[in-house]
Amino acid sequence: MWRRILRILLLVVLLVALAVVVVYFQASRIPSDYRPAQLSGREREQAARQFVSQISDFNNKAQLPQPFEWQITQEQANRYLAAADEIAANRLGGRPGEVREALESVGLSDPAVSLNDSILTLLVRSSHYDKVVSADIRFTFLDDGRLQIRLAQTWVGQLPVPDALLRSQLERLKQKLAREQAQTRGQPRASSGEEPSSDEVGRLIASVISAIDEAPIDPVLVGGLNNKKVRIESIGIHDGKLTLRAVPVERAPARRTR
């Protein structure tokens, strides 16, 4: 009898060990859609110029009194992420290296995105886990037009994990953005022109990240030469492309003074 019990215990140990190996292997595998752009210094500068041109295209379309669509591809987004320091320092009036430092402060590096099946997947290397971690983000428009941003699934390598494992890093990033927004609150906004300002882009990115798994937001953007407002009506994510459909927001008529 003892021999049988010993054999059963040995079998259980072997099965647990096998499960641990499989889990570690899945967690260590790099997701197939993790493809951060590898750019030379010259290519990063070129990507920074393309970023400004693409954001300016949105601003220009926003000046017209008609609905419009604006699109960004997965390849473009990953090039911009690779050139984030150049974009911040040379095009948006930021400090050299501040994007890399901000990521490193929460244990992250080498970000990338994947755009497929109505899901925006953020992928990044985590120094905490020494693996690639990713988060699937889903955008849902409510009946009242507000936008809800939800964390649909989190992964370590190719292993799906409870979002609580990555939520601490997300919360740290939110807190950092909240402190930075608090420091600039009340300061005059940078004037809007053909090129986006660090104020406009920074507030937009901070608002989107801060809204993940929080209360729905009003998806109204302000930009361009005349601070025109546009409302995002839909976000389509398919086949490596993200498409925004926007409509102008009519300004309230000015009050007459007696």
C-alpha atoms as a PDB file:
ATOM      1  CA  MET A   1       0.000   0.000   0.000  1.00  0.00           C
ATOM      2  CA  TRP A   2       2.773   2.434   0.897  1.00  0.00           C
ATOM      3  CA  ARG A   3       4.442   1.725  -2.402  1.00  0.00           C
ATOM      4  CA  ARG A   4       1.221   2.606  -4.223  1.00  0.00           C
ATOM      5  CA  ILE A   5       0.883   5.863  -2.239  1.00  0.00           C
ATOM      6  CA  LEU A   6       4.498   6.695  -3.017  1.00  0.00           C
ATOM      7  CA  ARG A   7       3.888   6.103  -6.720  1.00  0.00           C
ATOM      8  CA  ILE A   8       0.800   8.323  -6.651  1.00  0.00           C
ATOM      9  CA  LEU A   9       2.703  11.099  -4.875  1.00  0.00           C
ATOM     10  CA  LEU A  10       5.549  10.773  -7.369  1.00  0.00           C
ATOM     11  CA  LEU A  11       3.068  10.985 -10.243  1.00  0.00           C
ATOM     12  CA  VAL A  12       1.478  14.108  -8.728  1.00  0.00           C
ATOM     13  CA  VAL A  13       4.905  15.725  -8.314  1.00  0.00           C
ATOM     14  CA  LEU A  14       5.772  14.926 -11.940  1.00  0.00           C
ATOM     15  CA  LEU A  15       2.468  16.358 -13.184  1.00  0.00           C
ATOM     16  CA  VAL A  16       2.932  19.543 -11.137  1.00  0.00           C
ATOM     17  CA  ALA A  17       6.506  19.877 -12.394  1.00  0.00           C
ATOM     18  CA  LEU A  18       5.307  19.402 -15.969  1.00  0.00           C
ATOM     19  CA  ALA A  19       2.592  22.026 -15.464  1.00  0.00           C
ATOM     20  CA  VAL A  20       5.161  24.471 -14.066  1.00  0.00           C
ATOM     21  CA  VAL A  21       7.424  23.887 -17.081  1.00  0.00           C
ATOM     22  CA  VAL A  22       4.521  24.442 -19.496  1.00  0.00           C
ATOM     23  CA  VAL A  23       3.424  27.618 -17.684  1.00  0.00           C
ATOM     24  CA  TYR A  24       6.989  28.972 -17.586  1.00  0.00           C
ATOM     25  CA  PHE A  25       7.446  28.129 -21.270  1.00  0.00           C
ATOM     26  CA  GLN A  26       4.206  29.907 -22.217  1.00  0.00           C
ATOM     27  CA  ALA A  27       5.091  32.915 -20.070  1.00  0.00           C
ATOM     28  CA  SER A  28       8.602  33.094 -21.535  1.00  0.00           C
ATOM     29  CA  ARG A  29       7.476  32.953 -25.153  1.00  0.00           C
ATOM     30  CA  ILE A  30       7.463  36.285 -26.944  1.00  0.00           C
ATOM     31  CA  PRO A  31       4.016  37.051 -28.404  1.00  0.00           C
ATOM     32  CA  SER A  32       3.965  36.850 -32.180  1.00  0.00           C
ATOM     33  CA  ASP A  33       2.474  40.348 -32.420  1.00  0.00           C
ATOM     34  CA  TYR A  34       5.231  41.944 -30.311  1.00  0.00           C
ATOM     35  CA  ARG A  35       7.214  43.774 -32.970  1.00  0.00           C
ATOM     36  CA  PRO A  36       8.687  47.016 -31.597  1.00  0.00           C
ATOM     37  CA  ALA A  37      10.292  49.039 -34.353  1.00  0.00           C
ATOM     38  CA  GLN A  38      14.088  49.074 -34.421  1.00  0.00           C
ATOM     39  CA  LEU A  39      15.106  52.432 -35.866  1.00  0.00           C
ATOM     40  CA  SER A  40      18.386  54.190 -36.435  1.00  0.00           C
ATOM     41  CA  GLY A  41      18.850  57.756 -35.208  1.00  0.00           C
ATOM     42  CA  ARG A  42      18.055  59.104 -38.663  1.00  0.00           C
ATOM     43  CA  GLU A  43      14.938  56.928 -38.916  1.00  0.00           C
ATOM     44  CA  ARG A  44      13.729  58.118 -35.512  1.00  0.00           C
ATOM     45  CA  GLU A  45      14.035  61.732 -36.623  1.00  0.00           C
ATOM     46  CA  GLN A  46      12.112  60.887 -39.791  1.00  0.00           C
ATOM     47  CA  ALA A  47       9.407  59.156 -37.720  1.00  0.00           C
ATOM     48  CA  ALA A  48       9.143  62.255 -35.496  1.00  0.00           C
ATOM     49  CA  ARG A  49       8.464  64.413 -38.560  1.00  0.00           C
ATOM     50  CA  GLN A  50       5.886  61.921 -39.839  1.00  0.00           C
ATOM     51  CA  PHE A  51       4.159  61.950 -36.442  1.00  0.00           C
ATOM     52  CA  VAL A  52       3.776  65.734 -36.512  1.00  0.00           C
ATOM     53  CA  SER A  53       2.499  65.560 -40.088  1.00  0.00           C
ATOM     54  CA  GLN A  54      -0.095  62.937 -39.203  1.00  0.00           C
ATOM     55  CA  ILE A  55      -1.368  64.817 -36.135  1.00  0.00           C
ATOM     56  CA  SER A  56      -1.481  68.008 -38.213  1.00  0.00           C
ATOM     57  CA  ASP A  57      -3.604  66.129 -40.745  1.00  0.00           C
ATOM     58  CA  PHE A  58      -6.143  65.450 -37.978  1.00  0.00           C
ATOM     59  CA  ASN A  59      -6.088  69.117 -36.931  1.00  0.00           C
ATOM     60  CA  ASN A  60      -6.615  70.245 -40.526  1.00  0.00           C
ATOM     61  CA  LYS A  61      -9.569  67.915 -41.016  1.00  0.00           C
ATOM     62  CA  ALA A  62     -11.041  69.129 -37.737  1.00  0.00           C
ATOM     63  CA  GLN A  63     -11.324  72.649 -39.190  1.00  0.00           C
ATOM     64  CA  LEU A  64     -13.831  71.525 -41.822  1.00  0.00           C
ATOM     65  CA  PRO A  65     -17.581  71.644 -41.051  1.00  0.00           C
ATOM     66  CA  GLN A  66     -18.138  67.985 -41.941  1.00  0.00           C
ATOM     67  CA  PRO A  67     -17.533  64.478 -40.544  1.00  0.00           C
ATOM     68  CA  PHE A  68     -14.172  62.916 -41.329  1.00  0.00           C
ATOM     69  CA  GLU A  69     -12.073  59.805 -40.780  1.00  0.00           C
ATOM     70  CA  TRP A  70      -8.475  59.655 -39.587  1.00  0.00           C
ATOM     71  CA  GLN A  71      -6.377  56.508 -39.654  1.00  0.00           C
ATOM     72  CA  ILE A  72      -3.126  55.219 -38.220  1.00  0.00           C
ATOM     73  CA  THR A  73      -1.534  51.871 -39.000  1.00  0.00           C
ATOM     74  CA  GLN A  74       0.152  49.495 -36.588  1.00  0.00           C
ATOM     75  CA  GLU A  75       3.480  50.009 -38.366  1.00  0.00           C
ATOM     76  CA  GLN A  76       3.202  53.793 -38.044  1.00  0.00           C
ATOM     77  CA  ALA A  77       2.258  53.587 -34.367  1.00  0.00           C
ATOM     78  CA  ASN A  78       5.232  51.362 -33.579  1.00  0.00           C
ATOM     79  CA  ARG A  79       7.592  53.691 -35.420  1.00  0.00           C
ATOM     80  CA  TYR A  80       6.263  56.613 -33.371  1.00  0.00           C
ATOM     81  CA  LEU A  81       6.701  54.648 -30.134  1.00  0.00           C
ATOM     82  CA  ALA A  82      10.306  53.875 -31.086  1.00  0.00           C
ATOM     83  CA  ALA A  83      10.871  57.576 -31.759  1.00  0.00           C
ATOM     84  CA  ALA A  84       8.961  58.783 -28.673  1.00  0.00           C
ATOM     85  CA  ASP A  85      11.985  60.535 -27.150  1.00  0.00           C
ATOM     86  CA  GLU A  86      12.738  62.357 -30.406  1.00  0.00           C
ATOM     87  CA  ILE A  87       9.074  63.336 -30.763  1.00  0.00           C
ATOM     88  CA  ALA A  88       8.907  64.644 -27.200  1.00  0.00           C
ATOM     89  CA  ALA A  89      12.236  66.469 -27.258  1.00  0.00           C
ATOM     90  CA  ASN A  90      12.436  67.836 -30.800  1.00  0.00           C
ATOM     91  CA  ARG A  91       8.810  68.240 -31.834  1.00  0.00           C
ATOM     92  CA  LEU A  92       6.778  68.770 -28.677  1.00  0.00           C
ATOM     93  CA  GLY A  93       9.140  70.907 -26.623  1.00  0.00           C
ATOM     94  CA  GLY A  94       9.867  68.215 -24.055  1.00  0.00           C
ATOM     95  CA  ARG A  95      13.068  67.069 -22.380  1.00  0.00           C
ATOM     96  CA  PRO A  96      15.433  64.548 -24.050  1.00  0.00           C
ATOM     97  CA  GLY A  97      14.961  61.061 -22.633  1.00  0.00           C
ATOM     98  CA  GLU A  98      11.839  61.858 -20.605  1.00  0.00           C
ATOM     99  CA  VAL A  99       9.672  59.173 -22.264  1.00  0.00           C
ATOM    100  CA  ARG A 100      12.225  56.439 -21.631  1.00  0.00           C
ATOM    101  CA  GLU A 101      12.687  57.629 -18.056  1.00  0.00           C
ATOM    102  CA  ALA A 102       8.926  57.671 -17.445  1.00  0.00           C
ATOM    103  CA  LEU A 103       8.613  54.067 -18.630  1.00  0.00           C
ATOM    104  CA  GLU A 104      11.638  52.909 -16.663  1.00  0.00           C
ATOM    105  CA  SER A 105      10.242  54.512 -13.507  1.00  0.00           C
ATOM    106  CA  VAL A 106       7.367  51.995 -13.619  1.00  0.00           C
ATOM    107  CA  GLY A 107       9.559  49.083 -14.758  1.00  0.00           C
ATOM    108  CA  LEU A 108       8.726  49.116 -18.475  1.00  0.00           C
ATOM    109  CA  SER A 109      10.618  49.468 -21.779  1.00  0.00           C
ATOM    110  CA  ASP A 110      10.361  48.870 -25.549  1.00  0.00           C
ATOM    111  CA  PRO A 111       6.609  49.472 -26.031  1.00  0.00           C
ATOM    112  CA  ALA A 112       4.675  48.297 -29.077  1.00  0.00           C
ATOM    113  CA  VAL A 113       1.060  47.996 -30.178  1.00  0.00           C
ATOM    114  CA  SER A 114      -1.011  45.494 -32.118  1.00  0.00           C
ATOM    115  CA  LEU A 115      -4.261  46.484 -33.861  1.00  0.00           C
ATOM    116  CA  ASN A 116      -6.637  43.623 -34.658  1.00  0.00           C
ATOM    117  CA  ASP A 117     -10.152  42.282 -34.060  1.00  0.00           C
ATOM    118  CA  SER A 118     -11.475  45.469 -32.398  1.00  0.00           C
ATOM    119  CA  ILE A 119      -8.726  45.232 -29.763  1.00  0.00           C
ATOM    120  CA  LEU A 120      -5.761  47.541 -29.193  1.00  0.00           C
ATOM    121  CA  THR A 121      -3.026  45.483 -27.550  1.00  0.00           C
ATOM    122  CA  LEU A 122      -0.272  47.289 -25.673  1.00  0.00           C
ATOM    123  CA  LEU A 123       2.900  45.201 -25.388  1.00  0.00           C
ATOM    124  CA  VAL A 124       5.982  46.100 -23.370  1.00  0.00           C
ATOM    125  CA  ARG A 125       8.966  44.525 -21.664  1.00  0.00           C
ATOM    126  CA  SER A 126       8.641  44.369 -17.896  1.00  0.00           C
ATOM    127  CA  SER A 127      11.785  44.476 -15.773  1.00  0.00           C
ATOM    128  CA  HIS A 128       9.667  43.200 -12.871  1.00  0.00           C
ATOM    129  CA  TYR A 129       8.809  39.938 -14.642  1.00  0.00           C
ATOM    130  CA  ASP A 130      11.758  39.969 -17.093  1.00  0.00           C
ATOM    131  CA  LYS A 131       9.236  39.071 -19.799  1.00  0.00           C
ATOM    132  CA  VAL A 132       6.975  40.683 -22.357  1.00  0.00           C
ATOM    133  CA  VAL A 133       3.663  41.682 -20.795  1.00  0.00           C
ATOM    134  CA  SER A 134       0.655  42.875 -22.724  1.00  0.00           C
ATOM    135  CA  ALA A 135      -2.822  44.240 -22.189  1.00  0.00           C
ATOM    136  CA  ASP A 136      -5.826  44.043 -24.510  1.00  0.00           C
ATOM    137  CA  ILE A 137      -7.775  47.310 -24.503  1.00  0.00           C
ATOM    138  CA  ARG A 138     -11.370  47.481 -25.729  1.00  0.00           C
ATOM    139  CA  PHE A 139     -13.200  50.698 -26.653  1.00  0.00           C
ATOM    140  CA  THR A 140     -16.984  50.791 -26.271  1.00  0.00           C
ATOM    141  CA  PHE A 141     -19.280  53.702 -27.071  1.00  0.00           C
ATOM    142  CA  LEU A 142     -22.324  53.978 -24.816  1.00  0.00           C
ATOM    143  CA  ASP A 143     -25.770  55.091 -25.949  1.00  0.00           C
ATOM    144  CA  ASP A 144     -25.140  58.612 -24.626  1.00  0.00           C
ATOM    145  CA  GLY A 145     -21.993  58.955 -26.757  1.00  0.00           C
ATOM    146  CA  ARG A 146     -19.500  58.557 -23.924  1.00  0.00           C
ATOM    147  CA  LEU A 147     -16.489  56.310 -24.404  1.00  0.00           C
ATOM    148  CA  GLN A 148     -15.672  53.449 -22.071  1.00  0.00           C
ATOM    149  CA  ILE A 149     -12.116  52.060 -22.108  1.00  0.00           C
ATOM    150  CA  ARG A 150     -11.745  48.599 -20.601  1.00  0.00           C
ATOM    151  CA  LEU A 151      -8.860  46.276 -19.844  1.00  0.00           C
ATOM    152  CA  ALA A 152     -10.132  43.108 -21.560  1.00  0.00           C
ATOM    153  CA  GLN A 153      -7.260  40.668 -20.940  1.00  0.00           C
ATOM    154  CA  THR A 154      -3.673  40.717 -19.699  1.00  0.00           C
ATOM    155  CA  TRP A 155      -0.837  38.421 -20.663  1.00  0.00           C
ATOM    156  CA  VAL A 156       2.676  37.467 -19.612  1.00  0.00           C
ATOM    157  CA  GLY A 157       4.324  36.140 -22.735  1.00  0.00           C
ATOM    158  CA  GLN A 158       1.602  33.988 -24.300  1.00  0.00           C
ATOM    159  CA  LEU A 159       0.066  33.087 -20.950  1.00  0.00           C
ATOM    160  CA  PRO A 160      -3.231  34.790 -20.023  1.00  0.00           C
ATOM    161  CA  VAL A 161      -3.091  35.993 -16.431  1.00  0.00           C
ATOM    162  CA  PRO A 162      -5.434  37.804 -14.011  1.00  0.00           C
ATOM    163  CA  ASP A 163      -5.275  41.541 -14.670  1.00  0.00           C
ATOM    164  CA  ALA A 164      -4.442  42.084 -10.991  1.00  0.00           C
ATOM    165  CA  LEU A 165      -0.865  40.975 -11.745  1.00  0.00           C
ATOM    166  CA  LEU A 166      -0.327  43.958 -14.045  1.00  0.00           C
ATOM    167  CA  ARG A 167      -2.767  46.397 -12.484  1.00  0.00           C
ATOM    168  CA  SER A 168      -0.189  47.663  -9.977  1.00  0.00           C
ATOM    169  CA  GLN A 169       2.052  48.886 -12.814  1.00  0.00           C
ATOM    170  CA  LEU A 170      -0.940  50.451 -14.554  1.00  0.00           C
ATOM    171  CA  GLU A 171      -1.981  52.218 -11.353  1.00  0.00           C
ATOM    172  CA  ARG A 172       1.562  53.521 -10.826  1.00  0.00           C
ATOM    173  CA  LEU A 173       1.537  54.920 -14.350  1.00  0.00           C
ATOM    174  CA  LYS A 174      -1.876  56.531 -13.754  1.00  0.00           C
ATOM    175  CA  GLN A 175      -0.649  58.115 -10.521  1.00  0.00           C
ATOM    176  CA  LYS A 176       2.416  59.502 -12.250  1.00  0.00           C
ATOM    177  CA  LEU A 177       0.271  61.011 -15.013  1.00  0.00           C
ATOM    178  CA  ALA A 178      -2.143  62.434 -12.432  1.00  0.00           C
ATOM    179  CA  ARG A 179       0.718  64.189 -10.608  1.00  0.00           C
ATOM    180  CA  GLU A 180       2.025  65.652 -13.856  1.00  0.00           C
ATOM    181  CA  GLN A 181      -1.445  66.846 -14.856  1.00  0.00           C
ATOM    182  CA  ALA A 182      -1.910  68.422 -11.429  1.00  0.00           C
ATOM    183  CA  GLN A 183       1.344  70.333 -11.841  1.00  0.00           C
ATOM    184  CA  THR A 184       0.195  71.814 -15.154  1.00  0.00           C
ATOM    185  CA  ARG A 185      -3.440  72.402 -14.153  1.00  0.00           C
ATOM    186  CA  GLY A 186      -4.294  76.071 -14.285  1.00  0.00           C
ATOM    187  CA  GLN A 187      -1.418  76.894 -16.609  1.00  0.00           C
ATOM    188  CA  PRO A 188      -2.385  78.452 -19.945  1.00  0.00           C
ATOM    189  CA  ARG A 189      -2.652  75.939 -22.768  1.00  0.00           C
ATOM    190  CA  ALA A 190      -0.093  76.125 -25.532  1.00  0.00           C
ATOM    191  CA  SER A 191      -1.470  77.852 -28.584  1.00  0.00           C
ATOM    192  CA  SER A 192      -2.723  75.448 -31.241  1.00  0.00           C
ATOM    193  CA  GLY A 193      -1.270  75.720 -34.688  1.00  0.00           C
ATOM    194  CA  GLU A 194      -0.460  73.377 -37.539  1.00  0.00           C
ATOM    195  CA  GLU A 195       1.880  71.400 -35.309  1.00  0.00           C
ATOM    196  CA  PRO A 196       0.565  69.816 -32.113  1.00  0.00           C
ATOM    197  CA  SER A 197       1.957  71.093 -28.849  1.00  0.00           C
ATOM    198  CA  SER A 198       3.296  68.941 -26.029  1.00  0.00           C
ATOM    199  CA  ASP A 199       0.352  70.202 -23.972  1.00  0.00           C
ATOM    200  CA  GLU A 200      -2.244  68.905 -26.434  1.00  0.00           C
ATOM    201  CA  VAL A 201      -0.626  65.524 -27.094  1.00  0.00           C
ATOM    202  CA  GLY A 202       0.351  64.955 -23.465  1.00  0.00           C
ATOM    203  CA  ARG A 203      -3.142  65.682 -22.174  1.00  0.00           C
ATOM    204  CA  LEU A 204      -4.705  63.381 -24.780  1.00  0.00           C
ATOM    205  CA  ILE A 205      -2.424  60.424 -23.965  1.00  0.00           C
ATOM    206  CA  ALA A 206      -2.781  60.984 -20.228  1.00  0.00           C
ATOM    207  CA  SER A 207      -6.575  61.148 -20.527  1.00  0.00           C
ATOM    208  CA  VAL A 208      -6.799  57.871 -22.449  1.00  0.00           C
ATOM    209  CA  ILE A 209      -4.484  55.958 -20.078  1.00  0.00           C
ATOM    210  CA  SER A 210      -6.149  57.414 -16.992  1.00  0.00           C
ATOM    211  CA  ALA A 211      -9.594  56.374 -18.306  1.00  0.00           C
ATOM    212  CA  ILE A 212      -8.750  52.659 -18.498  1.00  0.00           C
ATOM    213  CA  ASP A 213     -11.223  50.812 -16.247  1.00  0.00           C
ATOM    214  CA  GLU A 214     -12.539  54.113 -14.927  1.00  0.00           C
ATOM    215  CA  ALA A 215     -15.738  56.075 -15.541  1.00  0.00           C
ATOM    216  CA  PRO A 216     -16.668  56.660 -19.213  1.00  0.00           C
ATOM    217  CA  ILE A 217     -15.269  59.825 -20.761  1.00  0.00           C
ATOM    218  CA  ASP A 218     -16.682  62.413 -23.154  1.00  0.00           C
ATOM    219  CA  PRO A 219     -14.621  61.818 -26.354  1.00  0.00           C
ATOM    220  CA  VAL A 220     -14.373  65.449 -27.436  1.00  0.00           C
ATOM    221  CA  LEU A 221     -11.028  66.698 -28.737  1.00  0.00           C
ATOM    222  CA  VAL A 222      -9.919  70.293 -29.176  1.00  0.00           C
ATOM    223  CA  GLY A 223      -7.240  71.375 -31.607  1.00  0.00           C
ATOM    224  CA  GLY A 224      -6.207  73.234 -34.698  1.00  0.00           C
ATOM    225  CA  LEU A 225      -5.806  76.907 -35.419  1.00  0.00           C
ATOM    226  CA  ASN A 226      -9.240  77.844 -34.093  1.00  0.00           C
ATOM    227  CA  ASN A 227      -9.485  75.376 -31.203  1.00  0.00           C
ATOM    228  CA  LYS A 228     -12.262  73.564 -33.041  1.00  0.00           C
ATOM    229  CA  LYS A 229     -14.007  70.788 -31.141  1.00  0.00           C
ATOM    230  CA  VAL A 230     -14.725  67.392 -32.663  1.00  0.00           C
ATOM    231  CA  ARG A 231     -16.465  64.390 -31.154  1.00  0.00           C
ATOM    232  CA  ILE A 232     -15.129  60.899 -31.786  1.00  0.00           C
ATOM    233  CA  GLU A 233     -18.126  58.780 -32.816  1.00  0.00           C
ATOM    234  CA  SER A 234     -16.411  55.462 -33.472  1.00  0.00           C
ATOM    235  CA  ILE A 235     -13.065  53.710 -33.204  1.00  0.00           C
ATOM    236  CA  GLY A 236     -12.504  50.887 -35.678  1.00  0.00           C
ATOM    237  CA  ILE A 237      -9.596  48.488 -35.139  1.00  0.00           C
ATOM    238  CA  HIS A 238      -9.068  45.890 -37.864  1.00  0.00           C
ATOM    239  CA  ASP A 239      -6.235  44.386 -39.898  1.00  0.00           C
ATOM    240  CA  GLY A 240      -3.470  46.453 -38.349  1.00  0.00           C
ATOM    241  CA  LYS A 241      -5.299  49.779 -38.652  1.00  0.00           C
ATOM    242  CA  LEU A 242      -7.060  52.103 -36.214  1.00  0.00           C
ATOM    243  CA  THR A 243      -9.673  54.409 -37.745  1.00  0.00           C
ATOM    244  CA  LEU A 244     -11.318  57.306 -35.922  1.00  0.00           C
ATOM    245  CA  ARG A 245     -14.574  58.754 -37.200  1.00  0.00           C
ATOM    246  CA  ALA A 246     -15.197  62.274 -35.923  1.00  0.00           C
ATOM    247  CA  VAL A 247     -17.879  64.925 -36.314  1.00  0.00           C
ATOM    248  CA  PRO A 248     -17.695  68.667 -35.606  1.00  0.00           C
ATOM    249  CA  VAL A 249     -19.142  69.927 -32.326  1.00  0.00           C
ATOM    250  CA  GLU A 250     -21.239  73.014 -32.845  1.00  0.00           C
ATOM    251  CA  ARG A 251     -20.344  75.908 -30.623  1.00  0.00           C
ATOM    252  CA  ALA A 252     -23.010  77.319 -28.374  1.00  0.00           C
ATOM    253  CA  PRO A 253     -24.179  80.755 -29.606  1.00  0.00           C
ATOM    254  CA  ALA A 254     -22.595  83.667 -27.801  1.00  0.00           C
ATOM    255  CA  ARG A 255     -24.773  85.363 -25.196  1.00  0.00           C
ATOM    256  CA  ARG A 256     -25.968  88.810 -26.051  1.00  0.00           C
ATOM    257  CA  THR A 257     -24.908  91.532 -23.659  1.00  0.00           C
ATOM    258  CA  ARG A 258     -27.273  94.349 -22.815  1.00  0.00           C
END
